[in-house]
Amino acid sequence: MSESFIQTLNNIDILMFYIINVKMQNSVFNVIMPIITYAGTLIFWIIICIILFIFGGEKGKNVAFLCLTALIISFFISEILKLTFARPRPPGVLEGINILVNMGGYSFPSGHSVTSFTGCTVIGKKYGYLYPLLIAACIVGFSRIYIGVHYPFDVVMGAIVGILCALAVLRLEDHILNIKNKIEHIMV
């Protein structure tokens, strides 16, 4: 790709960031977006998987195992991409932005978006609520931009990584559940 094309994409990314982070600022979002953003944490999704595993019957156990598998894979891919691209977060390079949550580390891709799209895709496909859960994941991604810690393209790449990891795990579902059954058999 040419440098001018990459610069144009970067300019669009920054412009969209300012629209969401600065122009859309309001007192309601300032309260709810820092709360919503926690639905993209790994611990949130581990708790969801534990609840499914304990209370979801055999199907819940299977879905929890698949979801955890996808979350682990997507986490490592996300971390490799972060280290590879080493993109600074917006507060490190932009001025005049609203920062509602302080975060360290790199920006690309959004780990919260990776996690929320991974979990929402696996659970949504297995329980038939894919589209409502993907909308929820989009809201988590939006919150990451709104609170000032990610650019829009970080969120888009996070969504792509999360969805692809979830779909790959679901495609290998039978093999993964065979592993789960072997682990259960050993533990009994």
N, C-alpha and C. Protein backbone atom coordinates (compact mmCIF):
# COMPACT_ATOMS: atom_id res chain seq x y z
N MET A 1 0.85 -1.19 0.00
CA MET A 1 0.00 0.00 0.00
C MET A 1 0.88 1.24 0.00
N SER A 2 0.44 2.24 -0.69
CA SER A 2 1.22 3.46 -0.74
C SER A 2 1.08 4.24 0.56
N GLU A 3 2.10 5.05 0.85
CA GLU A 3 2.09 5.85 2.07
C GLU A 3 0.92 6.83 2.09
N SER A 4 0.56 7.37 0.94
CA SER A 4 -0.54 8.34 0.91
C SER A 4 -1.87 7.67 1.23
N PHE A 5 -2.06 6.42 0.79
CA PHE A 5 -3.28 5.69 1.11
C PHE A 5 -3.36 5.40 2.60
N ILE A 6 -2.24 4.95 3.17
CA ILE A 6 -2.20 4.67 4.61
C ILE A 6 -2.44 5.94 5.40
N GLN A 7 -1.85 7.05 4.97
CA GLN A 7 -2.06 8.32 5.66
C GLN A 7 -3.52 8.76 5.56
N THR A 8 -4.15 8.52 4.41
CA THR A 8 -5.57 8.86 4.25
C THR A 8 -6.42 8.04 5.21
N LEU A 9 -6.14 6.73 5.30
CA LEU A 9 -6.87 5.87 6.25
C LEU A 9 -6.65 6.35 7.68
N ASN A 10 -5.43 6.70 8.02
CA ASN A 10 -5.13 7.19 9.36
C ASN A 10 -5.90 8.50 9.65
N ASN A 11 -5.96 9.38 8.67
CA ASN A 11 -6.70 10.64 8.84
C ASN A 11 -8.20 10.39 9.04
N ILE A 12 -8.74 9.45 8.30
CA ILE A 12 -10.16 9.09 8.46
C ILE A 12 -10.39 8.52 9.86
N ASP A 13 -9.47 7.66 10.29
CA ASP A 13 -9.55 7.04 11.62
C ASP A 13 -9.55 8.11 12.72
N ILE A 14 -8.65 9.07 12.60
CA ILE A 14 -8.56 10.15 13.59
C ILE A 14 -9.80 11.02 13.54
N LEU A 15 -10.29 11.35 12.36
CA LEU A 15 -11.50 12.16 12.23
C LEU A 15 -12.70 11.47 12.88
N MET A 16 -12.87 10.18 12.59
CA MET A 16 -13.98 9.43 13.19
C MET A 16 -13.82 9.36 14.71
N PHE A 17 -12.58 9.23 15.18
CA PHE A 17 -12.32 9.22 16.62
C PHE A 17 -12.81 10.53 17.24
N TYR A 18 -12.43 11.66 16.66
CA TYR A 18 -12.83 12.96 17.20
C TYR A 18 -14.35 13.14 17.18
N ILE A 19 -15.00 12.66 16.14
CA ILE A 19 -16.46 12.78 16.07
C ILE A 19 -17.10 12.03 17.24
N ILE A 20 -16.65 10.80 17.48
CA ILE A 20 -17.25 9.99 18.54
C ILE A 20 -16.79 10.47 19.92
N ASN A 21 -15.50 10.74 20.07
CA ASN A 21 -14.96 11.06 21.39
C ASN A 21 -15.22 12.49 21.84
N VAL A 22 -15.28 13.42 20.91
CA VAL A 22 -15.43 14.82 21.29
C VAL A 22 -16.83 15.34 20.95
N LYS A 23 -17.23 15.19 19.71
CA LYS A 23 -18.51 15.77 19.26
C LYS A 23 -19.72 15.10 19.89
N MET A 24 -19.62 13.82 20.22
CA MET A 24 -20.77 13.11 20.77
C MET A 24 -20.81 13.11 22.30
N GLN A 25 -19.85 13.77 22.93
CA GLN A 25 -19.80 13.80 24.40
C GLN A 25 -21.10 14.33 24.99
N ASN A 26 -21.61 13.63 25.99
CA ASN A 26 -22.79 14.09 26.73
C ASN A 26 -22.79 13.45 28.11
N SER A 27 -23.55 14.02 29.01
CA SER A 27 -23.51 13.58 30.41
C SER A 27 -24.03 12.15 30.60
N VAL A 28 -24.99 11.72 29.78
CA VAL A 28 -25.52 10.36 29.91
C VAL A 28 -24.46 9.35 29.48
N PHE A 29 -23.87 9.54 28.31
CA PHE A 29 -22.83 8.63 27.83
C PHE A 29 -21.61 8.66 28.74
N ASN A 30 -21.30 9.80 29.33
CA ASN A 30 -20.15 9.89 30.23
C ASN A 30 -20.30 8.98 31.44
N VAL A 31 -21.54 8.68 31.81
CA VAL A 31 -21.80 7.77 32.92
C VAL A 31 -21.87 6.32 32.45
N ILE A 32 -22.61 6.06 31.36
CA ILE A 32 -22.86 4.67 30.97
C ILE A 32 -21.73 4.02 30.16
N MET A 33 -21.01 4.77 29.36
CA MET A 33 -19.97 4.15 28.52
C MET A 33 -18.83 3.54 29.32
N PRO A 34 -18.35 4.19 30.40
CA PRO A 34 -17.31 3.52 31.20
C PRO A 34 -17.81 2.23 31.87
N ILE A 35 -19.11 2.11 32.08
CA ILE A 35 -19.69 0.88 32.64
C ILE A 35 -19.81 -0.17 31.55
N ILE A 36 -20.37 0.22 30.40
CA ILE A 36 -20.55 -0.70 29.28
C ILE A 36 -19.22 -1.31 28.83
N THR A 37 -18.17 -0.52 28.87
CA THR A 37 -16.88 -0.99 28.37
C THR A 37 -16.38 -2.22 29.11
N TYR A 38 -16.81 -2.40 30.36
CA TYR A 38 -16.36 -3.57 31.12
C TYR A 38 -16.95 -4.88 30.59
N ALA A 39 -17.98 -4.81 29.76
CA ALA A 39 -18.53 -6.02 29.14
C ALA A 39 -17.58 -6.57 28.08
N GLY A 40 -16.48 -5.88 27.85
CA GLY A 40 -15.47 -6.38 26.93
C GLY A 40 -14.24 -6.94 27.62
N THR A 41 -14.29 -7.01 28.94
CA THR A 41 -13.13 -7.55 29.66
C THR A 41 -13.14 -9.07 29.64
N LEU A 42 -11.97 -9.63 29.72
CA LEU A 42 -11.85 -11.09 29.73
C LEU A 42 -12.51 -11.67 30.98
N ILE A 43 -12.37 -11.01 32.11
CA ILE A 43 -12.98 -11.51 33.34
C ILE A 43 -14.51 -11.56 33.23
N PHE A 44 -15.11 -10.55 32.57
CA PHE A 44 -16.56 -10.55 32.36
C PHE A 44 -16.97 -11.81 31.61
N TRP A 45 -16.24 -12.14 30.55
CA TRP A 45 -16.60 -13.29 29.72
C TRP A 45 -16.28 -14.61 30.41
N ILE A 46 -15.26 -14.64 31.23
CA ILE A 46 -14.99 -15.85 32.01
C ILE A 46 -16.14 -16.10 32.98
N ILE A 47 -16.64 -15.04 33.60
CA ILE A 47 -17.79 -15.18 34.50
C ILE A 47 -19.01 -15.68 33.74
N ILE A 48 -19.26 -15.14 32.56
CA ILE A 48 -20.39 -15.61 31.72
C ILE A 48 -20.22 -17.11 31.44
N CYS A 49 -19.00 -17.52 31.09
CA CYS A 49 -18.76 -18.94 30.80
C CYS A 49 -18.95 -19.80 32.04
N ILE A 50 -18.52 -19.34 33.19
CA ILE A 50 -18.72 -20.09 34.43
C ILE A 50 -20.21 -20.26 34.71
N ILE A 51 -20.97 -19.18 34.53
CA ILE A 51 -22.43 -19.25 34.75
C ILE A 51 -23.06 -20.25 33.79
N LEU A 52 -22.67 -20.19 32.52
CA LEU A 52 -23.20 -21.15 31.54
C LEU A 52 -22.81 -22.58 31.91
N PHE A 53 -21.59 -22.76 32.34
CA PHE A 53 -21.10 -24.09 32.68
C PHE A 53 -21.86 -24.68 33.87
N ILE A 54 -22.14 -23.85 34.86
CA ILE A 54 -22.80 -24.32 36.08
C ILE A 54 -24.30 -24.50 35.89
N PHE A 55 -24.93 -23.53 35.23
CA PHE A 55 -26.39 -23.51 35.17
C PHE A 55 -26.98 -23.86 33.81
N GLY A 56 -26.16 -24.09 32.80
CA GLY A 56 -26.67 -24.28 31.45
C GLY A 56 -26.88 -25.70 31.00
N GLY A 57 -26.76 -26.65 31.90
CA GLY A 57 -26.91 -28.04 31.50
C GLY A 57 -25.76 -28.48 30.61
N GLU A 58 -25.97 -29.58 29.91
CA GLU A 58 -24.91 -30.11 29.03
C GLU A 58 -24.60 -29.13 27.91
N LYS A 59 -25.63 -28.52 27.33
CA LYS A 59 -25.39 -27.54 26.26
C LYS A 59 -24.58 -26.37 26.79
N GLY A 60 -24.92 -25.89 27.97
CA GLY A 60 -24.19 -24.77 28.57
C GLY A 60 -22.73 -25.10 28.81
N LYS A 61 -22.46 -26.32 29.25
CA LYS A 61 -21.07 -26.74 29.45
C LYS A 61 -20.31 -26.72 28.13
N ASN A 62 -20.94 -27.25 27.09
CA ASN A 62 -20.30 -27.26 25.77
C ASN A 62 -20.06 -25.86 25.24
N VAL A 63 -21.07 -25.00 25.35
CA VAL A 63 -20.94 -23.63 24.86
C VAL A 63 -19.87 -22.88 25.67
N ALA A 64 -19.85 -23.08 26.97
CA ALA A 64 -18.84 -22.43 27.82
C ALA A 64 -17.44 -22.86 27.40
N PHE A 65 -17.26 -24.16 27.15
CA PHE A 65 -15.94 -24.65 26.74
C PHE A 65 -15.53 -24.08 25.39
N LEU A 66 -16.47 -24.06 24.45
CA LEU A 66 -16.19 -23.49 23.13
C LEU A 66 -15.85 -22.00 23.25
N CYS A 67 -16.62 -21.29 24.05
CA CYS A 67 -16.41 -19.86 24.22
C CYS A 67 -15.04 -19.59 24.85
N LEU A 68 -14.71 -20.32 25.91
CA LEU A 68 -13.40 -20.14 26.54
C LEU A 68 -12.25 -20.45 25.58
N THR A 69 -12.42 -21.48 24.79
CA THR A 69 -11.40 -21.83 23.79
C THR A 69 -11.21 -20.68 22.81
N ALA A 70 -12.31 -20.15 22.29
CA ALA A 70 -12.24 -19.03 21.35
C ALA A 70 -11.65 -17.79 22.01
N LEU A 71 -12.02 -17.53 23.26
CA LEU A 71 -11.49 -16.36 23.99
C LEU A 71 -9.98 -16.47 24.18
N ILE A 72 -9.49 -17.66 24.50
CA ILE A 72 -8.05 -17.84 24.69
C ILE A 72 -7.31 -17.61 23.37
N ILE A 73 -7.80 -18.20 22.30
CA ILE A 73 -7.17 -18.04 21.00
C ILE A 73 -7.19 -16.57 20.58
N SER A 74 -8.34 -15.92 20.70
CA SER A 74 -8.45 -14.53 20.26
C SER A 74 -7.60 -13.60 21.12
N PHE A 75 -7.46 -13.92 22.42
CA PHE A 75 -6.61 -13.11 23.30
C PHE A 75 -5.17 -13.14 22.81
N PHE A 76 -4.66 -14.33 22.51
CA PHE A 76 -3.26 -14.43 22.08
C PHE A 76 -3.05 -13.76 20.72
N ILE A 77 -3.98 -13.92 19.81
CA ILE A 77 -3.86 -13.25 18.51
C ILE A 77 -3.87 -11.74 18.70
N SER A 78 -4.76 -11.25 19.53
CA SER A 78 -4.84 -9.82 19.81
C SER A 78 -3.53 -9.29 20.39
N GLU A 79 -2.97 -10.01 21.35
CA GLU A 79 -1.72 -9.57 21.98
C GLU A 79 -0.56 -9.57 20.98
N ILE A 80 -0.51 -10.56 20.11
CA ILE A 80 0.54 -10.61 19.08
C ILE A 80 0.40 -9.41 18.14
N LEU A 81 -0.84 -9.10 17.74
CA LEU A 81 -1.06 -7.94 16.87
C LEU A 81 -0.68 -6.64 17.57
N LYS A 82 -1.03 -6.52 18.85
CA LYS A 82 -0.67 -5.31 19.60
C LYS A 82 0.84 -5.11 19.61
N LEU A 83 1.57 -6.17 19.90
CA LEU A 83 3.04 -6.08 19.94
C LEU A 83 3.63 -5.84 18.56
N THR A 84 3.03 -6.41 17.54
CA THR A 84 3.52 -6.25 16.17
C THR A 84 3.35 -4.82 15.68
N PHE A 85 2.16 -4.24 15.89
CA PHE A 85 1.88 -2.90 15.36
C PHE A 85 2.27 -1.79 16.33
N ALA A 86 2.24 -2.06 17.62
CA ALA A 86 2.65 -1.11 18.67
C ALA A 86 2.07 0.29 18.45
N ARG A 87 0.79 0.35 18.13
CA ARG A 87 0.13 1.64 17.89
C ARG A 87 -0.18 2.30 19.24
N PRO A 88 0.30 3.52 19.44
CA PRO A 88 -0.01 4.22 20.70
C PRO A 88 -1.50 4.52 20.82
N ARG A 89 -1.99 4.53 22.04
CA ARG A 89 -3.38 4.88 22.29
C ARG A 89 -3.60 6.37 21.99
N PRO A 90 -4.84 6.76 21.69
CA PRO A 90 -5.11 8.17 21.36
C PRO A 90 -4.59 9.19 22.37
N PRO A 91 -4.70 8.95 23.69
CA PRO A 91 -4.20 9.98 24.61
C PRO A 91 -2.70 10.24 24.48
N GLY A 92 -1.97 9.28 23.94
CA GLY A 92 -0.53 9.45 23.78
C GLY A 92 -0.14 10.32 22.60
N VAL A 93 -1.08 10.54 21.67
CA VAL A 93 -0.71 11.28 20.45
C VAL A 93 -1.69 12.39 20.06
N LEU A 94 -2.90 12.36 20.59
CA LEU A 94 -3.90 13.36 20.20
C LEU A 94 -4.14 14.37 21.32
N GLU A 95 -4.51 15.57 20.92
CA GLU A 95 -4.82 16.62 21.89
C GLU A 95 -6.31 16.92 21.86
N GLY A 96 -6.80 17.48 22.96
CA GLY A 96 -8.19 17.93 23.01
C GLY A 96 -9.21 16.81 23.01
N ILE A 97 -8.83 15.67 23.58
CA ILE A 97 -9.77 14.54 23.60
C ILE A 97 -10.30 14.34 25.02
N ASN A 98 -11.37 13.59 25.11
CA ASN A 98 -11.96 13.26 26.40
C ASN A 98 -11.52 11.86 26.80
N ILE A 99 -10.87 11.77 27.94
CA ILE A 99 -10.38 10.49 28.44
C ILE A 99 -11.18 10.17 29.70
N LEU A 100 -12.02 9.15 29.61
CA LEU A 100 -12.85 8.77 30.74
C LEU A 100 -12.26 7.60 31.53
N VAL A 101 -11.32 6.87 30.93
CA VAL A 101 -10.67 5.74 31.59
C VAL A 101 -9.21 5.76 31.15
N ASN A 102 -8.30 5.63 32.08
CA ASN A 102 -6.88 5.57 31.74
C ASN A 102 -6.46 4.13 31.49
N MET A 103 -5.69 3.94 30.43
CA MET A 103 -5.20 2.61 30.08
C MET A 103 -3.79 2.73 29.54
N GLY A 104 -3.01 1.70 29.80
CA GLY A 104 -1.68 1.60 29.22
C GLY A 104 -1.71 0.65 28.04
N GLY A 105 -0.56 0.30 27.58
CA GLY A 105 -0.46 -0.66 26.48
C GLY A 105 -0.75 -0.04 25.12
N TYR A 106 -0.87 -0.92 24.15
CA TYR A 106 -1.07 -0.47 22.78
C TYR A 106 -2.54 -0.49 22.39
N SER A 107 -2.81 0.17 21.28
CA SER A 107 -4.19 0.43 20.87
C SER A 107 -4.75 -0.57 19.86
N PHE A 108 -3.93 -1.09 18.97
CA PHE A 108 -4.42 -1.86 17.83
C PHE A 108 -4.08 -3.33 17.98
N PRO A 109 -5.09 -4.20 17.94
CA PRO A 109 -6.54 -3.96 17.90
C PRO A 109 -7.10 -3.76 19.30
N SER A 110 -8.36 -3.41 19.38
CA SER A 110 -9.03 -3.26 20.67
C SER A 110 -9.28 -4.64 21.27
N GLY A 111 -8.61 -4.92 22.39
CA GLY A 111 -8.79 -6.21 23.05
C GLY A 111 -10.20 -6.40 23.58
N HIS A 112 -10.82 -5.32 24.07
CA HIS A 112 -12.20 -5.41 24.55
C HIS A 112 -13.14 -5.77 23.40
N SER A 113 -12.87 -5.22 22.22
CA SER A 113 -13.70 -5.55 21.05
C SER A 113 -13.47 -6.99 20.63
N VAL A 114 -12.21 -7.42 20.62
CA VAL A 114 -11.91 -8.82 20.30
C VAL A 114 -12.70 -9.74 21.22
N THR A 115 -12.61 -9.47 22.52
CA THR A 115 -13.25 -10.34 23.51
C THR A 115 -14.77 -10.32 23.38
N SER A 116 -15.36 -9.13 23.26
CA SER A 116 -16.82 -9.07 23.21
C SER A 116 -17.36 -9.69 21.92
N PHE A 117 -16.68 -9.47 20.80
CA PHE A 117 -17.15 -10.09 19.55
C PHE A 117 -16.93 -11.60 19.56
N THR A 118 -15.87 -12.06 20.18
CA THR A 118 -15.65 -13.50 20.30
C THR A 118 -16.77 -14.14 21.10
N GLY A 119 -16.99 -13.63 22.31
CA GLY A 119 -18.02 -14.20 23.18
C GLY A 119 -19.41 -14.10 22.59
N CYS A 120 -19.73 -12.93 22.05
CA CYS A 120 -21.07 -12.73 21.48
C CYS A 120 -21.31 -13.61 20.27
N THR A 121 -20.29 -13.85 19.47
CA THR A 121 -20.45 -14.69 18.28
C THR A 121 -20.67 -16.15 18.68
N VAL A 122 -19.84 -16.67 19.58
CA VAL A 122 -20.00 -18.07 19.99
C VAL A 122 -21.36 -18.28 20.64
N ILE A 123 -21.66 -17.49 21.66
CA ILE A 123 -22.91 -17.67 22.39
C ILE A 123 -24.11 -17.34 21.50
N GLY A 124 -24.00 -16.30 20.70
CA GLY A 124 -25.10 -15.93 19.80
C GLY A 124 -25.42 -17.01 18.79
N LYS A 125 -24.39 -17.61 18.21
CA LYS A 125 -24.63 -18.68 17.23
C LYS A 125 -25.18 -19.94 17.88
N LYS A 126 -24.71 -20.26 19.07
CA LYS A 126 -25.15 -21.49 19.73
C LYS A 126 -26.56 -21.38 20.32
N TYR A 127 -26.97 -20.17 20.70
CA TYR A 127 -28.28 -20.00 21.32
C TYR A 127 -29.29 -19.25 20.42
N GLY A 128 -28.89 -18.87 19.23
CA GLY A 128 -29.82 -18.24 18.30
C GLY A 128 -30.05 -16.75 18.53
N TYR A 129 -29.14 -16.10 19.22
CA TYR A 129 -29.27 -14.66 19.48
C TYR A 129 -28.10 -13.89 18.88
N LEU A 130 -27.64 -14.31 17.73
CA LEU A 130 -26.43 -13.73 17.15
C LEU A 130 -26.55 -12.24 16.92
N TYR A 131 -27.61 -11.79 16.25
CA TYR A 131 -27.69 -10.37 15.89
C TYR A 131 -27.86 -9.45 17.09
N PRO A 132 -28.71 -9.77 18.06
CA PRO A 132 -28.76 -8.90 19.25
C PRO A 132 -27.43 -8.85 20.01
N LEU A 133 -26.75 -9.99 20.08
CA LEU A 133 -25.47 -10.01 20.78
C LEU A 133 -24.38 -9.27 20.00
N LEU A 134 -24.42 -9.34 18.67
CA LEU A 134 -23.46 -8.56 17.88
C LEU A 134 -23.70 -7.06 18.04
N ILE A 135 -24.96 -6.67 18.17
CA ILE A 135 -25.26 -5.26 18.44
C ILE A 135 -24.67 -4.87 19.80
N ALA A 136 -24.80 -5.74 20.79
CA ALA A 136 -24.21 -5.48 22.10
C ALA A 136 -22.69 -5.34 21.99
N ALA A 137 -22.06 -6.20 21.20
CA ALA A 137 -20.61 -6.12 21.01
C ALA A 137 -20.23 -4.80 20.32
N CYS A 138 -21.05 -4.36 19.37
CA CYS A 138 -20.80 -3.07 18.71
C CYS A 138 -20.86 -1.92 19.72
N ILE A 139 -21.78 -2.01 20.65
CA ILE A 139 -21.90 -0.97 21.68
C ILE A 139 -20.65 -0.96 22.56
N VAL A 140 -20.14 -2.14 22.89
CA VAL A 140 -18.88 -2.21 23.66
C VAL A 140 -17.76 -1.57 22.84
N GLY A 141 -17.67 -1.89 21.57
CA GLY A 141 -16.65 -1.30 20.71
C GLY A 141 -16.78 0.22 20.64
N PHE A 142 -18.00 0.71 20.49
CA PHE A 142 -18.25 2.15 20.47
C PHE A 142 -17.78 2.79 21.78
N SER A 143 -18.03 2.10 22.89
CA SER A 143 -17.63 2.64 24.20
C SER A 143 -16.12 2.83 24.28
N ARG A 144 -15.36 1.97 23.64
CA ARG A 144 -13.90 2.07 23.67
C ARG A 144 -13.41 3.35 23.00
N ILE A 145 -14.10 3.76 21.95
CA ILE A 145 -13.75 5.01 21.27
C ILE A 145 -14.24 6.18 22.11
N TYR A 146 -15.47 6.08 22.58
CA TYR A 146 -16.09 7.17 23.33
C TYR A 146 -15.27 7.52 24.58
N ILE A 147 -14.77 6.50 25.29
CA ILE A 147 -14.02 6.78 26.52
C ILE A 147 -12.58 7.21 26.25
N GLY A 148 -12.16 7.17 24.99
CA GLY A 148 -10.88 7.76 24.60
C GLY A 148 -9.68 6.83 24.56
N VAL A 149 -9.89 5.52 24.51
CA VAL A 149 -8.74 4.61 24.56
C VAL A 149 -8.46 3.86 23.25
N HIS A 150 -9.36 3.98 22.26
CA HIS A 150 -9.15 3.31 20.98
C HIS A 150 -9.65 4.15 19.82
N TYR A 151 -9.03 3.92 18.67
CA TYR A 151 -9.49 4.49 17.41
C TYR A 151 -10.55 3.57 16.81
N PRO A 152 -11.38 4.09 15.91
CA PRO A 152 -12.40 3.24 15.26
C PRO A 152 -11.81 2.02 14.55
N PHE A 153 -10.68 2.19 13.85
CA PHE A 153 -10.12 1.05 13.14
C PHE A 153 -9.62 -0.03 14.11
N ASP A 154 -9.22 0.37 15.32
CA ASP A 154 -8.84 -0.62 16.35
C ASP A 154 -10.03 -1.51 16.67
N VAL A 155 -11.19 -0.87 16.78
CA VAL A 155 -12.43 -1.59 17.12
C VAL A 155 -12.85 -2.49 15.96
N VAL A 156 -12.76 -1.98 14.74
CA VAL A 156 -13.13 -2.79 13.57
C VAL A 156 -12.23 -4.02 13.47
N MET A 157 -10.92 -3.83 13.65
CA MET A 157 -10.02 -4.99 13.59
C MET A 157 -10.30 -5.93 14.76
N GLY A 158 -10.61 -5.40 15.92
CA GLY A 158 -10.98 -6.24 17.05
C GLY A 158 -12.20 -7.09 16.75
N ALA A 159 -13.18 -6.48 16.09
CA ALA A 159 -14.39 -7.21 15.71
C ALA A 159 -14.06 -8.33 14.73
N ILE A 160 -13.22 -8.03 13.75
CA ILE A 160 -12.85 -9.03 12.75
C ILE A 160 -12.11 -10.20 13.40
N VAL A 161 -11.13 -9.89 14.25
CA VAL A 161 -10.37 -10.95 14.92
C VAL A 161 -11.31 -11.80 15.79
N GLY A 162 -12.16 -11.14 16.57
CA GLY A 162 -13.08 -11.86 17.45
C GLY A 162 -14.03 -12.77 16.70
N ILE A 163 -14.64 -12.25 15.66
CA ILE A 163 -15.59 -13.04 14.87
C ILE A 163 -14.89 -14.22 14.19
N LEU A 164 -13.73 -13.96 13.59
CA LEU A 164 -13.01 -15.04 12.90
C LEU A 164 -12.57 -16.14 13.87
N CYS A 165 -12.09 -15.76 15.04
CA CYS A 165 -11.69 -16.77 16.04
C CYS A 165 -12.90 -17.58 16.49
N ALA A 166 -14.01 -16.90 16.73
CA ALA A 166 -15.23 -17.61 17.15
C ALA A 166 -15.69 -18.57 16.07
N LEU A 167 -15.71 -18.12 14.82
CA LEU A 167 -16.16 -18.98 13.73
C LEU A 167 -15.22 -20.16 13.52
N ALA A 168 -13.92 -19.94 13.69
CA ALA A 168 -12.95 -21.04 13.55
C ALA A 168 -13.19 -22.09 14.63
N VAL A 169 -13.42 -21.66 15.85
CA VAL A 169 -13.68 -22.61 16.93
C VAL A 169 -14.98 -23.34 16.67
N LEU A 170 -16.01 -22.64 16.24
CA LEU A 170 -17.29 -23.30 15.95
C LEU A 170 -17.17 -24.29 14.80
N ARG A 171 -16.30 -23.98 13.86
CA ARG A 171 -16.08 -24.91 12.75
C ARG A 171 -15.40 -26.19 13.23
N LEU A 172 -14.58 -26.07 14.25
CA LEU A 172 -13.87 -27.22 14.82
C LEU A 172 -14.56 -27.75 16.07
N GLU A 173 -15.82 -27.42 16.23
CA GLU A 173 -16.58 -27.73 17.44
C GLU A 173 -16.48 -29.19 17.85
N ASP A 174 -16.68 -30.11 16.94
CA ASP A 174 -16.66 -31.53 17.30
C ASP A 174 -15.32 -31.94 17.90
N HIS A 175 -14.23 -31.50 17.29
CA HIS A 175 -12.90 -31.84 17.79
C HIS A 175 -12.67 -31.23 19.17
N ILE A 176 -13.08 -29.98 19.34
CA ILE A 176 -12.88 -29.28 20.62
C ILE A 176 -13.72 -29.93 21.72
N LEU A 177 -14.94 -30.30 21.40
CA LEU A 177 -15.78 -30.95 22.41
C LEU A 177 -15.29 -32.35 22.75
N ASN A 178 -14.65 -33.03 21.80
CA ASN A 178 -14.01 -34.32 22.11
C ASN A 178 -12.91 -34.12 23.15
N ILE A 179 -12.15 -33.05 23.02
CA ILE A 179 -11.11 -32.73 24.01
C ILE A 179 -11.75 -32.46 25.36
N LYS A 180 -12.84 -31.68 25.37
CA LYS A 180 -13.56 -31.39 26.62
C LYS A 180 -14.02 -32.68 27.28
N ASN A 181 -14.58 -33.59 26.48
CA ASN A 181 -15.08 -34.86 27.04
C ASN A 181 -13.95 -35.71 27.61
N LYS A 182 -12.78 -35.69 26.96
CA LYS A 182 -11.63 -36.43 27.47
C LYS A 182 -11.16 -35.82 28.80
N ILE A 183 -11.16 -34.49 28.88
CA ILE A 183 -10.75 -33.82 30.12
C ILE A 183 -11.73 -34.18 31.24
N GLU A 184 -13.02 -34.13 30.93
CA GLU A 184 -14.03 -34.48 31.93
C GLU A 184 -13.88 -35.91 32.39
N HIS A 185 -13.59 -36.82 31.45
CA HIS A 185 -13.43 -38.23 31.78
C HIS A 185 -12.23 -38.44 32.70
N ILE A 186 -11.15 -37.72 32.45
CA ILE A 186 -9.96 -37.83 33.29
C ILE A 186 -10.24 -37.30 34.69
N MET A 187 -11.03 -36.24 34.78
CA MET A 187 -11.28 -35.59 36.07
C MET A 187 -12.28 -36.34 36.93
N VAL A 188 -13.05 -37.25 36.31
CA VAL A 188 -14.08 -37.99 37.07
C VAL A 188 -13.52 -39.20 37.74
